[in-house]
Amino acid sequence: MIHHFLVDLRYTQIHVDNNVFKKRILIIAVYVDDILLCKLNKNEILDLKIKLSDHFEMTDCRACKYYLKMLII
């Protein structure tokens, strides 16, 4: 379901891991019910969060410090 939604928004899956999508420099990592958005431009992240929340029930946990037990620097 999320796969089709992201593809419709013109994100492409990377070949190494089909749970990671990219569009220009915005990277989306999907793991079960967690999504990590990575981008220097906060406006693009905010825009995607709005689109995602329009289609899916979600909670915004703000800035990420750990993801799958990995420290985010």
C-alpha atoms as a PDB file:
ATOM      1  CA  MET A   1       0.000   0.000   0.000  1.00  0.00           C
ATOM      2  CA  ILE A   2       2.698   2.524   0.952  1.00  0.00           C
ATOM      3  CA  HIS A   3       4.792   1.237  -1.954  1.00  0.00           C
ATOM      4  CA  HIS A   4       2.114   2.219  -4.493  1.00  0.00           C
ATOM      5  CA  PHE A   5       1.557   5.561  -2.794  1.00  0.00           C
ATOM      6  CA  LEU A   6       5.270   6.470  -2.940  1.00  0.00           C
ATOM      7  CA  VAL A   7       5.616   5.262  -6.542  1.00  0.00           C
ATOM      8  CA  ASP A   8       2.599   7.422  -7.486  1.00  0.00           C
ATOM      9  CA  LEU A   9       4.507  10.385  -5.976  1.00  0.00           C
ATOM     10  CA  ARG A  10       7.438   9.463  -8.300  1.00  0.00           C
ATOM     11  CA  TYR A  11       9.723   7.956  -5.664  1.00  0.00           C
ATOM     12  CA  THR A  12      11.836   5.028  -6.848  1.00  0.00           C
ATOM     13  CA  GLN A  13      13.014   2.013  -4.892  1.00  0.00           C
ATOM     14  CA  ILE A  14      16.745   1.564  -4.607  1.00  0.00           C
ATOM     15  CA  HIS A  15      18.046  -1.762  -5.929  1.00  0.00           C
ATOM     16  CA  VAL A  16      19.944  -2.775  -2.789  1.00  0.00           C
ATOM     17  CA  ASP A  17      16.939  -2.587  -0.440  1.00  0.00           C
ATOM     18  CA  ASN A  18      13.367  -2.482  -1.735  1.00  0.00           C
ATOM     19  CA  ASN A  19      12.235  -0.831   1.533  1.00  0.00           C
ATOM     20  CA  VAL A  20      14.170   2.342   0.719  1.00  0.00           C
ATOM     21  CA  PHE A  21      12.815   4.908  -1.728  1.00  0.00           C
ATOM     22  CA  LYS A  22      14.427   8.034  -3.146  1.00  0.00           C
ATOM     23  CA  LYS A  23      13.522  11.115  -5.122  1.00  0.00           C
ATOM     24  CA  ARG A  24      16.363  13.476  -5.870  1.00  0.00           C
ATOM     25  CA  ILE A  25      18.010  13.671  -2.457  1.00  0.00           C
ATOM     26  CA  LEU A  26      15.009  12.838  -0.255  1.00  0.00           C
ATOM     27  CA  ILE A  27      15.357   9.297   1.101  1.00  0.00           C
ATOM     28  CA  ILE A  28      12.547   7.294   2.695  1.00  0.00           C
ATOM     29  CA  ALA A  29      13.310   4.152   4.690  1.00  0.00           C
ATOM     30  CA  VAL A  30      10.321   1.923   5.443  1.00  0.00           C
ATOM     31  CA  TYR A  31      10.505  -0.839   8.047  1.00  0.00           C
ATOM     32  CA  VAL A  32       7.236  -2.548   9.000  1.00  0.00           C
ATOM     33  CA  ASP A  33       5.311   0.411  10.506  1.00  0.00           C
ATOM     34  CA  ASP A  34       8.207   2.887  10.821  1.00  0.00           C
ATOM     35  CA  ILE A  35       9.234   5.441   8.200  1.00  0.00           C
ATOM     36  CA  LEU A  36      12.408   7.506   8.300  1.00  0.00           C
ATOM     37  CA  LEU A  37      12.612  10.623   6.101  1.00  0.00           C
ATOM     38  CA  CYS A  38      16.073  12.000   5.304  1.00  0.00           C
ATOM     39  CA  LYS A  39      16.568  15.351   3.576  1.00  0.00           C
ATOM     40  CA  LEU A  40      18.418  18.591   4.165  1.00  0.00           C
ATOM     41  CA  ASN A  41      15.448  20.664   2.955  1.00  0.00           C
ATOM     42  CA  LYS A  42      12.826  20.571   5.735  1.00  0.00           C
ATOM     43  CA  ASN A  43      10.114  21.986   3.445  1.00  0.00           C
ATOM     44  CA  GLU A  44      10.150  18.846   1.276  1.00  0.00           C
ATOM     45  CA  ILE A  45       9.887  16.660   4.367  1.00  0.00           C
ATOM     46  CA  LEU A  46       6.955  18.711   5.678  1.00  0.00           C
ATOM     47  CA  ASP A  47       5.207  18.457   2.298  1.00  0.00           C
ATOM     48  CA  LEU A  48       5.628  14.679   2.241  1.00  0.00           C
ATOM     49  CA  LYS A  49       4.417  14.360   5.852  1.00  0.00           C
ATOM     50  CA  ILE A  50       1.217  16.197   4.900  1.00  0.00           C
ATOM     51  CA  LYS A  51       0.658  13.901   1.908  1.00  0.00           C
ATOM     52  CA  LEU A  52       1.331  10.794   3.981  1.00  0.00           C
ATOM     53  CA  SER A  53      -0.975  11.888   6.808  1.00  0.00           C
ATOM     54  CA  ASP A  54      -3.768  12.547   4.280  1.00  0.00           C
ATOM     55  CA  HIS A  55      -3.649   8.874   3.237  1.00  0.00           C
ATOM     56  CA  PHE A  56      -2.382   7.001   6.289  1.00  0.00           C
ATOM     57  CA  GLU A  57      -2.834   7.147  10.034  1.00  0.00           C
ATOM     58  CA  MET A  58       0.509   8.284  11.399  1.00  0.00           C
ATOM     59  CA  THR A  59       2.304   9.854  14.322  1.00  0.00           C
ATOM     60  CA  ASP A  60       5.096  12.366  13.799  1.00  0.00           C
ATOM     61  CA  CYS A  61       7.865  11.637  16.299  1.00  0.00           C
ATOM     62  CA  ARG A  62       9.908  14.651  15.167  1.00  0.00           C
ATOM     63  CA  ALA A  63      13.692  14.456  14.895  1.00  0.00           C
ATOM     64  CA  CYS A  64      15.067  10.936  14.997  1.00  0.00           C
ATOM     65  CA  LYS A  65      17.929  10.036  17.303  1.00  0.00           C
ATOM     66  CA  TYR A  66      17.821   6.246  16.854  1.00  0.00           C
ATOM     67  CA  TYR A  67      16.385   4.106  14.047  1.00  0.00           C
ATOM     68  CA  LEU A  68      16.406   0.308  14.322  1.00  0.00           C
ATOM     69  CA  LYS A  69      18.923   0.600  17.168  1.00  0.00           C
ATOM     70  CA  MET A  70      21.273   2.727  15.016  1.00  0.00           C
ATOM     71  CA  LEU A  71      22.383   6.166  16.224  1.00  0.00           C
ATOM     72  CA  ILE A  72      21.461   8.946  13.778  1.00  0.00           C
ATOM     73  CA  ILE A  73      24.085  11.704  13.693  1.00  0.00           C
END
